[in-house]
Amino acid sequence: MDFAGYDPAGAGRNRGIVSAKIVIAGGFGVGKTTLVGAISEITPLTTEALMTSAGIGVDDPSKVPGKETTTVAMDFGRITMAQDLILYLFGTPGQTRFWFMWDEIIRGAVGAAVLVDTRRIADAFAALDYFENRNLPYVVALNHFDGSPQYEMDEVREALAIASDVPLVLTDARHRDSVKQVLVTVVEHAMKRLQAEHGRGYPAPVG
């Protein structure tokens, strides 16, 4: 995806329409499909399947009461963030047995959002390690669930050993405005990283 020329300040210069690929990741049942569905301006592509005996001993549905389906490949959506910026959203499968797909899903991505369920904070470690090891800019979004524990942001940052330069935000994956703010944060963070790495006003094309 070509991320060159995006002007977050909206300086009014006509640079043409650019697009960027954003990955939505996280553990099992953390809200990735819900997030993509809440923001996508097109009918999202989902690969939800009924949970079966194949997940026994691997998935733990007791952690997500009432969950009967799971993503087995990816979710896909699209959102026009501005007149000159379109984001393509790719949600990863959360179960470890499907993680072999992640390397293909992140190909060409400019950044990622890692969703965290505060009821199961430890489930986020694997996704955080994955993006750290691949040097892909990411933000951490605490997804609010009704009745979920409430922690101070500094407590979560310390518990997950999140670096100080990684944005940490609160969100509700069910609500469009909340999701949009997460995506804005991903774009801004990716821009800063790319500008720093390339040492000029606008980043080089990615992917």
N, C-alpha and C. Protein backbone atom coordinates (compact mmCIF):
# COMPACT_ATOMS: atom_id res chain seq x y z
N MET A 1 0.84 -1.18 0.00
CA MET A 1 0.00 0.00 0.00
C MET A 1 0.88 1.25 0.00
N ASP A 2 0.46 2.28 -0.76
CA ASP A 2 1.23 3.51 -0.86
C ASP A 2 0.74 4.50 0.17
N PHE A 3 1.60 4.84 1.12
CA PHE A 3 1.24 5.75 2.20
C PHE A 3 1.93 7.09 2.02
N ALA A 4 2.60 7.25 0.89
CA ALA A 4 3.35 8.47 0.66
C ALA A 4 2.42 9.64 0.40
N GLY A 5 2.78 10.80 0.94
CA GLY A 5 2.07 12.01 0.62
C GLY A 5 0.88 12.32 1.49
N TYR A 6 0.52 11.46 2.43
CA TYR A 6 -0.62 11.75 3.29
C TYR A 6 -0.29 12.91 4.21
N ASP A 7 -1.17 13.90 4.24
CA ASP A 7 -0.95 15.10 5.03
C ASP A 7 -1.96 15.15 6.16
N PRO A 8 -1.61 14.70 7.37
CA PRO A 8 -2.57 14.65 8.47
C PRO A 8 -3.03 16.03 8.91
N ALA A 9 -2.28 17.07 8.57
CA ALA A 9 -2.67 18.41 8.97
C ALA A 9 -3.68 19.02 8.01
N GLY A 10 -3.91 18.36 6.88
CA GLY A 10 -4.88 18.86 5.92
C GLY A 10 -4.49 20.21 5.36
N ALA A 11 -3.32 20.32 4.82
CA ALA A 11 -2.79 21.60 4.38
C ALA A 11 -3.47 22.13 3.12
N GLY A 12 -4.37 21.35 2.56
CA GLY A 12 -5.12 21.84 1.42
C GLY A 12 -4.45 21.58 0.09
N ARG A 13 -3.35 20.90 0.08
CA ARG A 13 -2.68 20.60 -1.17
C ARG A 13 -3.24 19.32 -1.78
N ASN A 14 -3.45 19.33 -3.06
CA ASN A 14 -4.04 18.17 -3.73
C ASN A 14 -2.94 17.15 -4.03
N ARG A 15 -2.86 16.11 -3.23
CA ARG A 15 -1.83 15.10 -3.40
C ARG A 15 -2.41 13.82 -3.99
N GLY A 16 -3.71 13.82 -4.30
CA GLY A 16 -4.33 12.62 -4.82
C GLY A 16 -4.75 11.70 -3.69
N ILE A 17 -5.55 10.70 -4.04
CA ILE A 17 -6.04 9.76 -3.04
C ILE A 17 -4.98 8.70 -2.77
N VAL A 18 -4.69 8.48 -1.50
CA VAL A 18 -3.76 7.43 -1.12
C VAL A 18 -4.50 6.42 -0.25
N SER A 19 -3.96 5.23 -0.18
CA SER A 19 -4.58 4.18 0.63
C SER A 19 -3.54 3.54 1.53
N ALA A 20 -4.00 2.96 2.61
CA ALA A 20 -3.11 2.31 3.56
C ALA A 20 -3.80 1.09 4.15
N LYS A 21 -3.00 0.10 4.42
CA LYS A 21 -3.50 -1.15 5.01
C LYS A 21 -3.21 -1.14 6.51
N ILE A 22 -4.25 -1.36 7.30
CA ILE A 22 -4.14 -1.40 8.75
C ILE A 22 -4.57 -2.79 9.24
N VAL A 23 -3.78 -3.38 10.11
CA VAL A 23 -4.11 -4.70 10.67
C VAL A 23 -4.73 -4.53 12.05
N ILE A 24 -5.81 -5.27 12.29
CA ILE A 24 -6.47 -5.29 13.59
C ILE A 24 -6.18 -6.66 14.21
N ALA A 25 -5.46 -6.67 15.31
CA ALA A 25 -5.00 -7.94 15.88
C ALA A 25 -5.36 -8.03 17.36
N GLY A 26 -5.11 -9.20 17.93
CA GLY A 26 -5.39 -9.43 19.34
C GLY A 26 -5.76 -10.88 19.58
N GLY A 27 -6.02 -11.19 20.82
CA GLY A 27 -6.32 -12.56 21.20
C GLY A 27 -7.72 -13.00 20.81
N PHE A 28 -8.03 -14.21 21.17
CA PHE A 28 -9.31 -14.84 20.88
C PHE A 28 -10.46 -14.07 21.54
N GLY A 29 -11.47 -13.69 20.73
CA GLY A 29 -12.67 -13.07 21.27
C GLY A 29 -12.49 -11.67 21.81
N VAL A 30 -11.49 -10.95 21.34
CA VAL A 30 -11.20 -9.64 21.91
C VAL A 30 -11.98 -8.51 21.24
N GLY A 31 -12.64 -8.79 20.09
CA GLY A 31 -13.49 -7.78 19.47
C GLY A 31 -13.03 -7.30 18.10
N LYS A 32 -12.17 -8.05 17.46
CA LYS A 32 -11.64 -7.61 16.16
C LYS A 32 -12.73 -7.56 15.08
N THR A 33 -13.53 -8.60 14.99
CA THR A 33 -14.60 -8.62 14.00
C THR A 33 -15.61 -7.52 14.28
N THR A 34 -15.92 -7.29 15.53
CA THR A 34 -16.85 -6.23 15.92
C THR A 34 -16.31 -4.87 15.51
N LEU A 35 -15.02 -4.64 15.73
CA LEU A 35 -14.40 -3.36 15.39
C LEU A 35 -14.49 -3.09 13.89
N VAL A 36 -14.11 -4.08 13.09
CA VAL A 36 -14.15 -3.89 11.63
C VAL A 36 -15.58 -3.63 11.18
N GLY A 37 -16.52 -4.35 11.72
CA GLY A 37 -17.91 -4.18 11.34
C GLY A 37 -18.48 -2.83 11.74
N ALA A 38 -17.99 -2.27 12.86
CA ALA A 38 -18.51 -1.00 13.35
C ALA A 38 -18.10 0.18 12.50
N ILE A 39 -16.95 0.09 11.81
CA ILE A 39 -16.40 1.24 11.10
C ILE A 39 -16.46 1.11 9.59
N SER A 40 -16.57 -0.11 9.07
CA SER A 40 -16.47 -0.30 7.62
C SER A 40 -17.63 0.34 6.88
N GLU A 41 -17.32 1.06 5.80
CA GLU A 41 -18.35 1.69 4.99
C GLU A 41 -18.89 0.73 3.93
N ILE A 42 -18.29 -0.43 3.81
CA ILE A 42 -18.81 -1.48 2.95
C ILE A 42 -19.23 -2.64 3.84
N THR A 43 -20.03 -3.52 3.31
CA THR A 43 -20.37 -4.72 4.07
C THR A 43 -19.09 -5.50 4.32
N PRO A 44 -18.68 -5.66 5.58
CA PRO A 44 -17.38 -6.30 5.83
C PRO A 44 -17.37 -7.76 5.42
N LEU A 45 -16.22 -8.17 4.91
CA LEU A 45 -16.00 -9.58 4.64
C LEU A 45 -15.56 -10.24 5.94
N THR A 46 -16.27 -11.27 6.34
CA THR A 46 -15.88 -11.99 7.55
C THR A 46 -15.75 -13.47 7.23
N THR A 47 -14.98 -14.16 8.03
CA THR A 47 -14.82 -15.61 7.87
C THR A 47 -15.18 -16.28 9.18
N GLU A 48 -16.32 -15.87 9.73
CA GLU A 48 -16.80 -16.44 10.98
C GLU A 48 -17.33 -17.86 10.74
N ALA A 49 -16.95 -18.77 11.62
CA ALA A 49 -17.43 -20.14 11.55
C ALA A 49 -17.85 -20.59 12.95
N LEU A 50 -18.77 -21.52 12.99
CA LEU A 50 -19.20 -22.04 14.28
C LEU A 50 -18.03 -22.75 14.97
N MET A 51 -17.92 -22.53 16.26
CA MET A 51 -16.88 -23.21 17.03
C MET A 51 -17.25 -24.68 17.14
N THR A 52 -16.27 -25.55 16.87
CA THR A 52 -16.53 -26.98 16.86
C THR A 52 -15.56 -27.70 17.79
N SER A 53 -15.60 -29.01 17.72
CA SER A 53 -14.73 -29.83 18.57
C SER A 53 -13.26 -29.64 18.24
N ALA A 54 -12.95 -29.06 17.07
CA ALA A 54 -11.55 -28.84 16.70
C ALA A 54 -10.87 -27.88 17.67
N GLY A 55 -11.68 -27.06 18.33
CA GLY A 55 -11.10 -26.08 19.24
C GLY A 55 -10.98 -26.58 20.67
N ILE A 56 -11.44 -27.77 20.95
CA ILE A 56 -11.36 -28.30 22.32
C ILE A 56 -9.90 -28.45 22.74
N GLY A 57 -9.59 -27.85 23.87
CA GLY A 57 -8.23 -27.91 24.37
C GLY A 57 -7.33 -26.83 23.80
N VAL A 58 -7.86 -26.07 22.83
CA VAL A 58 -7.09 -24.98 22.21
C VAL A 58 -7.74 -23.65 22.52
N ASP A 59 -9.02 -23.50 22.15
CA ASP A 59 -9.77 -22.29 22.46
C ASP A 59 -10.47 -22.47 23.81
N ASP A 60 -10.62 -21.40 24.54
CA ASP A 60 -11.30 -21.46 25.82
C ASP A 60 -12.52 -20.56 25.78
N PRO A 61 -13.67 -21.08 25.33
CA PRO A 61 -14.86 -20.24 25.20
C PRO A 61 -15.39 -19.74 26.53
N SER A 62 -14.97 -20.33 27.63
CA SER A 62 -15.43 -19.87 28.95
C SER A 62 -14.97 -18.45 29.23
N LYS A 63 -13.91 -18.02 28.54
CA LYS A 63 -13.40 -16.66 28.74
C LYS A 63 -14.27 -15.63 28.04
N VAL A 64 -15.06 -16.08 27.06
CA VAL A 64 -15.92 -15.18 26.30
C VAL A 64 -17.33 -15.77 26.31
N PRO A 65 -18.09 -15.58 27.37
CA PRO A 65 -19.42 -16.19 27.49
C PRO A 65 -20.32 -15.83 26.32
N GLY A 66 -21.01 -16.83 25.78
CA GLY A 66 -21.95 -16.61 24.70
C GLY A 66 -21.34 -16.61 23.31
N LYS A 67 -20.01 -16.72 23.21
CA LYS A 67 -19.38 -16.70 21.90
C LYS A 67 -19.51 -18.08 21.25
N GLU A 68 -20.12 -18.12 20.06
CA GLU A 68 -20.36 -19.38 19.37
C GLU A 68 -19.63 -19.48 18.04
N THR A 69 -19.12 -18.34 17.55
CA THR A 69 -18.40 -18.34 16.27
C THR A 69 -17.00 -17.77 16.47
N THR A 70 -16.15 -18.02 15.49
CA THR A 70 -14.79 -17.53 15.57
C THR A 70 -14.26 -17.26 14.16
N THR A 71 -13.33 -16.32 14.04
CA THR A 71 -12.73 -16.00 12.75
C THR A 71 -11.69 -17.05 12.40
N VAL A 72 -11.80 -17.63 11.22
CA VAL A 72 -10.88 -18.70 10.83
C VAL A 72 -9.90 -18.26 9.74
N ALA A 73 -10.04 -17.06 9.20
CA ALA A 73 -9.08 -16.56 8.21
C ALA A 73 -8.79 -15.09 8.48
N MET A 74 -9.74 -14.21 8.15
CA MET A 74 -9.55 -12.80 8.41
C MET A 74 -10.87 -12.06 8.27
N ASP A 75 -10.88 -10.82 8.75
CA ASP A 75 -11.98 -9.89 8.50
C ASP A 75 -11.43 -8.81 7.57
N PHE A 76 -12.32 -8.23 6.75
CA PHE A 76 -11.87 -7.18 5.84
C PHE A 76 -12.92 -6.09 5.77
N GLY A 77 -12.48 -4.83 5.86
CA GLY A 77 -13.37 -3.69 5.72
C GLY A 77 -12.63 -2.52 5.13
N ARG A 78 -13.37 -1.46 4.82
CA ARG A 78 -12.78 -0.26 4.23
C ARG A 78 -13.44 0.97 4.82
N ILE A 79 -12.64 2.00 5.06
CA ILE A 79 -13.18 3.25 5.57
C ILE A 79 -12.45 4.42 4.92
N THR A 80 -13.20 5.40 4.42
CA THR A 80 -12.61 6.62 3.88
C THR A 80 -12.44 7.59 5.05
N MET A 81 -11.20 7.85 5.42
CA MET A 81 -10.92 8.69 6.58
C MET A 81 -10.95 10.18 6.23
N ALA A 82 -10.60 10.50 4.99
CA ALA A 82 -10.60 11.87 4.51
C ALA A 82 -10.74 11.81 3.00
N GLN A 83 -10.86 12.96 2.35
CA GLN A 83 -11.03 12.97 0.90
C GLN A 83 -9.86 12.31 0.19
N ASP A 84 -8.70 12.32 0.86
CA ASP A 84 -7.49 11.80 0.20
C ASP A 84 -6.91 10.57 0.87
N LEU A 85 -7.65 9.94 1.80
CA LEU A 85 -7.10 8.78 2.51
C LEU A 85 -8.16 7.70 2.72
N ILE A 86 -7.88 6.51 2.20
CA ILE A 86 -8.73 5.34 2.40
C ILE A 86 -7.93 4.30 3.17
N LEU A 87 -8.54 3.75 4.20
CA LEU A 87 -7.90 2.69 4.97
C LEU A 87 -8.58 1.36 4.67
N TYR A 88 -7.76 0.34 4.44
CA TYR A 88 -8.24 -1.02 4.29
C TYR A 88 -7.89 -1.78 5.56
N LEU A 89 -8.89 -2.35 6.19
CA LEU A 89 -8.73 -3.00 7.49
C LEU A 89 -8.72 -4.51 7.34
N PHE A 90 -7.72 -5.14 7.94
CA PHE A 90 -7.59 -6.59 7.92
C PHE A 90 -7.53 -7.10 9.36
N GLY A 91 -8.55 -7.83 9.76
CA GLY A 91 -8.57 -8.41 11.10
C GLY A 91 -8.00 -9.81 11.10
N THR A 92 -7.11 -10.08 12.04
CA THR A 92 -6.47 -11.39 12.11
C THR A 92 -7.32 -12.39 12.91
N PRO A 93 -7.14 -13.68 12.65
CA PRO A 93 -7.77 -14.68 13.52
C PRO A 93 -7.06 -14.69 14.88
N GLY A 94 -7.82 -14.91 15.94
CA GLY A 94 -7.24 -14.82 17.27
C GLY A 94 -6.66 -16.11 17.81
N GLN A 95 -7.13 -17.26 17.33
CA GLN A 95 -6.68 -18.54 17.88
C GLN A 95 -5.28 -18.88 17.39
N THR A 96 -4.50 -19.45 18.27
CA THR A 96 -3.10 -19.73 17.94
C THR A 96 -2.98 -20.69 16.75
N ARG A 97 -3.93 -21.58 16.56
CA ARG A 97 -3.80 -22.55 15.46
C ARG A 97 -3.97 -21.90 14.09
N PHE A 98 -4.42 -20.64 14.04
CA PHE A 98 -4.55 -19.93 12.78
C PHE A 98 -3.49 -18.85 12.60
N TRP A 99 -2.52 -18.78 13.50
CA TRP A 99 -1.55 -17.69 13.44
C TRP A 99 -0.57 -17.81 12.28
N PHE A 100 -0.54 -18.95 11.64
CA PHE A 100 0.34 -19.09 10.47
C PHE A 100 -0.09 -18.12 9.36
N MET A 101 -1.32 -17.62 9.43
CA MET A 101 -1.81 -16.69 8.41
C MET A 101 -1.33 -15.26 8.63
N TRP A 102 -0.87 -14.95 9.83
CA TRP A 102 -0.57 -13.56 10.16
C TRP A 102 0.49 -12.95 9.25
N ASP A 103 1.52 -13.71 8.91
CA ASP A 103 2.59 -13.15 8.09
C ASP A 103 2.07 -12.67 6.73
N GLU A 104 1.09 -13.38 6.17
CA GLU A 104 0.51 -12.96 4.90
C GLU A 104 -0.42 -11.77 5.10
N ILE A 105 -1.17 -11.77 6.19
CA ILE A 105 -2.13 -10.70 6.43
C ILE A 105 -1.43 -9.36 6.63
N ILE A 106 -0.26 -9.35 7.29
CA ILE A 106 0.40 -8.07 7.57
C ILE A 106 1.23 -7.56 6.40
N ARG A 107 1.37 -8.37 5.37
CA ARG A 107 2.20 -7.96 4.24
C ARG A 107 1.67 -6.65 3.64
N GLY A 108 2.53 -5.63 3.56
CA GLY A 108 2.15 -4.34 3.00
C GLY A 108 1.45 -3.41 3.96
N ALA A 109 1.27 -3.82 5.23
CA ALA A 109 0.58 -2.96 6.21
C ALA A 109 1.50 -1.84 6.67
N VAL A 110 0.91 -0.68 6.96
CA VAL A 110 1.68 0.44 7.49
C VAL A 110 1.62 0.51 9.01
N GLY A 111 0.65 -0.19 9.61
CA GLY A 111 0.53 -0.17 11.06
C GLY A 111 -0.53 -1.14 11.53
N ALA A 112 -0.64 -1.26 12.84
CA ALA A 112 -1.60 -2.20 13.42
C ALA A 112 -2.18 -1.65 14.71
N ALA A 113 -3.35 -2.16 15.05
CA ALA A 113 -3.96 -1.90 16.35
C ALA A 113 -4.11 -3.23 17.07
N VAL A 114 -3.55 -3.34 18.26
CA VAL A 114 -3.67 -4.55 19.06
C VAL A 114 -4.77 -4.33 20.11
N LEU A 115 -5.87 -5.07 19.98
CA LEU A 115 -6.96 -4.96 20.94
C LEU A 115 -6.65 -5.78 22.19
N VAL A 116 -7.00 -5.21 23.33
CA VAL A 116 -6.76 -5.87 24.61
C VAL A 116 -8.06 -5.91 25.40
N ASP A 117 -8.40 -7.07 25.90
CA ASP A 117 -9.54 -7.26 26.80
C ASP A 117 -9.00 -7.22 28.23
N THR A 118 -9.44 -6.24 29.02
CA THR A 118 -8.88 -6.10 30.37
C THR A 118 -9.26 -7.25 31.30
N ARG A 119 -10.19 -8.10 30.87
CA ARG A 119 -10.51 -9.31 31.64
C ARG A 119 -9.46 -10.39 31.42
N ARG A 120 -8.68 -10.24 30.31
CA ARG A 120 -7.70 -11.26 29.93
C ARG A 120 -6.45 -10.56 29.38
N ILE A 121 -5.86 -9.71 30.18
CA ILE A 121 -4.74 -8.89 29.72
C ILE A 121 -3.58 -9.74 29.19
N ALA A 122 -3.30 -10.84 29.85
CA ALA A 122 -2.16 -11.67 29.47
C ALA A 122 -2.28 -12.21 28.05
N ASP A 123 -3.50 -12.31 27.51
CA ASP A 123 -3.69 -12.82 26.16
C ASP A 123 -3.08 -11.90 25.10
N ALA A 124 -2.76 -10.67 25.48
CA ALA A 124 -2.22 -9.71 24.51
C ALA A 124 -0.73 -9.88 24.26
N PHE A 125 -0.03 -10.58 25.14
CA PHE A 125 1.43 -10.66 25.02
C PHE A 125 1.88 -11.21 23.67
N ALA A 126 1.23 -12.24 23.19
CA ALA A 126 1.66 -12.87 21.93
C ALA A 126 1.57 -11.89 20.77
N ALA A 127 0.47 -11.14 20.67
CA ALA A 127 0.32 -10.18 19.57
C ALA A 127 1.33 -9.05 19.70
N LEU A 128 1.55 -8.57 20.90
CA LEU A 128 2.53 -7.50 21.11
C LEU A 128 3.93 -7.95 20.70
N ASP A 129 4.29 -9.16 21.10
CA ASP A 129 5.60 -9.70 20.73
C ASP A 129 5.72 -9.84 19.22
N TYR A 130 4.63 -10.26 18.59
CA TYR A 130 4.65 -10.47 17.14
C TYR A 130 5.01 -9.17 16.41
N PHE A 131 4.34 -8.08 16.74
CA PHE A 131 4.59 -6.82 16.04
C PHE A 131 5.92 -6.20 16.44
N GLU A 132 6.34 -6.40 17.68
CA GLU A 132 7.65 -5.92 18.09
C GLU A 132 8.74 -6.60 17.27
N ASN A 133 8.62 -7.91 17.10
CA ASN A 133 9.64 -8.67 16.37
C ASN A 133 9.68 -8.33 14.89
N ARG A 134 8.58 -7.81 14.36
CA ARG A 134 8.53 -7.47 12.93
C ARG A 134 8.66 -5.97 12.69
N ASN A 135 8.88 -5.23 13.75
CA ASN A 135 9.13 -3.79 13.65
C ASN A 135 8.01 -3.05 12.91
N LEU A 136 6.76 -3.50 13.10
CA LEU A 136 5.63 -2.82 12.49
C LEU A 136 5.02 -1.86 13.51
N PRO A 137 4.85 -0.58 13.17
CA PRO A 137 4.25 0.36 14.12
C PRO A 137 2.87 -0.12 14.57
N TYR A 138 2.61 -0.04 15.85
CA TYR A 138 1.30 -0.47 16.35
C TYR A 138 0.88 0.39 17.54
N VAL A 139 -0.42 0.40 17.79
CA VAL A 139 -0.95 1.03 18.98
C VAL A 139 -1.70 -0.04 19.76
N VAL A 140 -1.87 0.18 21.04
CA VAL A 140 -2.59 -0.75 21.90
C VAL A 140 -3.92 -0.11 22.30
N ALA A 141 -5.02 -0.81 22.04
CA ALA A 141 -6.35 -0.28 22.33
C ALA A 141 -7.05 -1.17 23.36
N LEU A 142 -7.39 -0.61 24.49
CA LEU A 142 -8.11 -1.35 25.52
C LEU A 142 -9.59 -1.34 25.16
N ASN A 143 -10.12 -2.50 24.82
CA ASN A 143 -11.51 -2.61 24.40
C ASN A 143 -12.41 -2.77 25.61
N HIS A 144 -13.35 -1.85 25.74
CA HIS A 144 -14.24 -1.85 26.91
C HIS A 144 -15.34 -2.89 26.73
N PHE A 145 -15.48 -3.76 27.72
CA PHE A 145 -16.59 -4.70 27.79
C PHE A 145 -17.40 -4.38 29.03
N ASP A 146 -18.72 -4.55 28.94
CA ASP A 146 -19.57 -4.29 30.11
C ASP A 146 -19.13 -5.17 31.27
N GLY A 147 -18.87 -4.54 32.40
CA GLY A 147 -18.48 -5.28 33.59
C GLY A 147 -17.01 -5.65 33.65
N SER A 148 -16.23 -5.21 32.66
CA SER A 148 -14.80 -5.55 32.65
C SER A 148 -14.05 -4.71 33.68
N PRO A 149 -12.94 -5.21 34.20
CA PRO A 149 -12.16 -4.46 35.18
C PRO A 149 -11.64 -3.15 34.59
N GLN A 150 -11.58 -2.13 35.41
CA GLN A 150 -11.06 -0.84 34.97
C GLN A 150 -9.69 -0.60 35.61
N TYR A 151 -8.71 -0.33 34.79
CA TYR A 151 -7.35 -0.10 35.28
C TYR A 151 -6.86 1.27 34.82
N GLU A 152 -5.93 1.81 35.55
CA GLU A 152 -5.26 3.02 35.10
C GLU A 152 -4.39 2.67 33.90
N MET A 153 -4.26 3.62 32.99
CA MET A 153 -3.48 3.36 31.78
C MET A 153 -2.03 2.99 32.13
N ASP A 154 -1.47 3.65 33.10
CA ASP A 154 -0.09 3.36 33.49
C ASP A 154 0.04 1.93 34.02
N GLU A 155 -1.01 1.43 34.69
CA GLU A 155 -0.98 0.06 35.19
C GLU A 155 -0.94 -0.94 34.04
N VAL A 156 -1.76 -0.68 33.00
CA VAL A 156 -1.80 -1.58 31.86
C VAL A 156 -0.47 -1.52 31.10
N ARG A 157 0.06 -0.32 30.93
CA ARG A 157 1.34 -0.18 30.23
C ARG A 157 2.43 -0.96 30.94
N GLU A 158 2.45 -0.87 32.26
CA GLU A 158 3.47 -1.59 33.02
C GLU A 158 3.24 -3.10 32.98
N ALA A 159 1.98 -3.52 33.10
CA ALA A 159 1.66 -4.95 33.11
C ALA A 159 2.04 -5.63 31.80
N LEU A 160 1.86 -4.90 30.68
CA LEU A 160 2.16 -5.47 29.37
C LEU A 160 3.54 -5.07 28.86
N ALA A 161 4.28 -4.33 29.67
CA ALA A 161 5.62 -3.87 29.29
C ALA A 161 5.59 -3.14 27.94
N ILE A 162 4.62 -2.24 27.78
CA ILE A 162 4.47 -1.47 26.55
C ILE A 162 5.44 -0.30 26.59
N ALA A 163 6.22 -0.15 25.55
CA ALA A 163 7.20 0.94 25.50
C ALA A 163 6.51 2.30 25.57
N SER A 164 7.20 3.27 26.09
CA SER A 164 6.62 4.60 26.31
C SER A 164 6.22 5.30 25.02
N ASP A 165 6.85 4.92 23.90
CA ASP A 165 6.53 5.58 22.63
C ASP A 165 5.39 4.90 21.87
N VAL A 166 4.84 3.82 22.43
CA VAL A 166 3.71 3.13 21.82
C VAL A 166 2.41 3.71 22.37
N PRO A 167 1.53 4.27 21.53
CA PRO A 167 0.27 4.84 22.02
C PRO A 167 -0.62 3.79 22.67
N LEU A 168 -1.25 4.17 23.77
CA LEU A 168 -2.18 3.31 24.49
C LEU A 168 -3.48 4.08 24.65
N VAL A 169 -4.57 3.54 24.10
CA VAL A 169 -5.84 4.26 24.09
C VAL A 169 -6.98 3.36 24.57
N LEU A 170 -8.05 4.00 25.02
CA LEU A 170 -9.27 3.29 25.36
C LEU A 170 -10.21 3.29 24.16
N THR A 171 -10.98 2.22 24.00
CA THR A 171 -11.93 2.18 22.88
C THR A 171 -13.11 1.31 23.25
N ASP A 172 -14.14 1.42 22.44
CA ASP A 172 -15.28 0.51 22.49
C ASP A 172 -15.51 0.06 21.07
N ALA A 173 -15.17 -1.17 20.77
CA ALA A 173 -15.20 -1.69 19.40
C ALA A 173 -16.59 -1.69 18.78
N ARG A 174 -17.60 -1.44 19.59
CA ARG A 174 -18.97 -1.43 19.07
C ARG A 174 -19.37 -0.09 18.48
N HIS A 175 -18.60 0.95 18.79
CA HIS A 175 -19.00 2.30 18.42
C HIS A 175 -18.07 2.92 17.38
N ARG A 176 -18.64 3.40 16.31
CA ARG A 176 -17.90 3.91 15.16
C ARG A 176 -16.93 5.03 15.53
N ASP A 177 -17.40 6.02 16.28
CA ASP A 177 -16.55 7.16 16.62
C ASP A 177 -15.34 6.73 17.44
N SER A 178 -15.55 5.78 18.35
CA SER A 178 -14.47 5.28 19.18
C SER A 178 -13.44 4.53 18.33
N VAL A 179 -13.93 3.72 17.42
CA VAL A 179 -13.04 2.97 16.52
C VAL A 179 -12.27 3.92 15.62
N LYS A 180 -12.95 4.95 15.13
CA LYS A 180 -12.28 5.90 14.23
C LYS A 180 -11.09 6.56 14.91
N GLN A 181 -11.23 6.86 16.21
CA GLN A 181 -10.12 7.48 16.92
C GLN A 181 -8.93 6.54 17.03
N VAL A 182 -9.18 5.25 17.18
CA VAL A 182 -8.10 4.26 17.19
C VAL A 182 -7.36 4.28 15.86
N LEU A 183 -8.10 4.30 14.77
CA LEU A 183 -7.48 4.29 13.44
C LEU A 183 -6.68 5.57 13.19
N VAL A 184 -7.20 6.70 13.64
CA VAL A 184 -6.46 7.96 13.51
C VAL A 184 -5.13 7.85 14.25
N THR A 185 -5.17 7.25 15.44
CA THR A 185 -3.96 7.10 16.24
C THR A 185 -2.95 6.19 15.54
N VAL A 186 -3.44 5.11 14.92
CA VAL A 186 -2.54 4.21 14.17
C VAL A 186 -1.87 4.97 13.03
N VAL A 187 -2.65 5.72 12.26
CA VAL A 187 -2.10 6.46 11.12
C VAL A 187 -1.05 7.47 11.59
N GLU A 188 -1.37 8.22 12.63
CA GLU A 188 -0.44 9.24 13.12
C GLU A 188 0.84 8.61 13.64
N HIS A 189 0.70 7.49 14.35
CA HIS A 189 1.88 6.81 14.89
C HIS A 189 2.74 6.25 13.77
N ALA A 190 2.10 5.66 12.77
CA ALA A 190 2.84 5.11 11.63
C ALA A 190 3.57 6.23 10.88
N MET A 191 2.90 7.37 10.72
CA MET A 191 3.52 8.50 10.05
C MET A 191 4.78 8.96 10.79
N LYS A 192 4.67 9.08 12.09
CA LYS A 192 5.82 9.52 12.89
C LYS A 192 6.99 8.55 12.75
N ARG A 193 6.69 7.26 12.81
CA ARG A 193 7.74 6.26 12.69
C ARG A 193 8.41 6.32 11.32
N LEU A 194 7.60 6.41 10.28
CA LEU A 194 8.14 6.43 8.93
C LEU A 194 8.93 7.71 8.67
N GLN A 195 8.45 8.83 9.15
CA GLN A 195 9.17 10.08 8.97
C GLN A 195 10.52 10.04 9.69
N ALA A 196 10.52 9.47 10.89
CA ALA A 196 11.77 9.37 11.64
C ALA A 196 12.76 8.46 10.94
N GLU A 197 12.26 7.35 10.38
CA GLU A 197 13.15 6.38 9.74
C GLU A 197 13.71 6.91 8.41
N HIS A 198 12.89 7.68 7.68
CA HIS A 198 13.32 8.14 6.37
C HIS A 198 13.87 9.55 6.38
N GLY A 199 13.69 10.26 7.49
CA GLY A 199 14.32 11.55 7.67
C GLY A 199 13.89 12.62 6.70
N ARG A 200 12.61 12.59 6.28
CA ARG A 200 12.13 13.66 5.44
C ARG A 200 10.66 13.91 5.75
N GLY A 201 10.11 14.92 5.14
CA GLY A 201 8.76 15.37 5.51
C GLY A 201 7.68 14.36 5.32
N TYR A 202 7.81 13.49 4.31
CA TYR A 202 6.79 12.49 4.05
C TYR A 202 7.45 11.14 3.88
N PRO A 203 6.78 10.08 4.32
CA PRO A 203 7.38 8.76 4.28
C PRO A 203 7.44 8.17 2.88
N ALA A 204 8.33 7.23 2.72
CA ALA A 204 8.43 6.50 1.46
C ALA A 204 7.28 5.52 1.34
N PRO A 205 6.94 5.08 0.12
CA PRO A 205 5.89 4.08 -0.06
C PRO A 205 6.21 2.79 0.71
N VAL A 206 5.14 2.16 1.20
CA VAL A 206 5.30 0.92 1.95
C VAL A 206 4.53 -0.17 1.24
N GLY A 207 5.15 -1.33 1.10
CA GLY A 207 4.45 -2.48 0.53
C GLY A 207 4.42 -2.46 -0.98
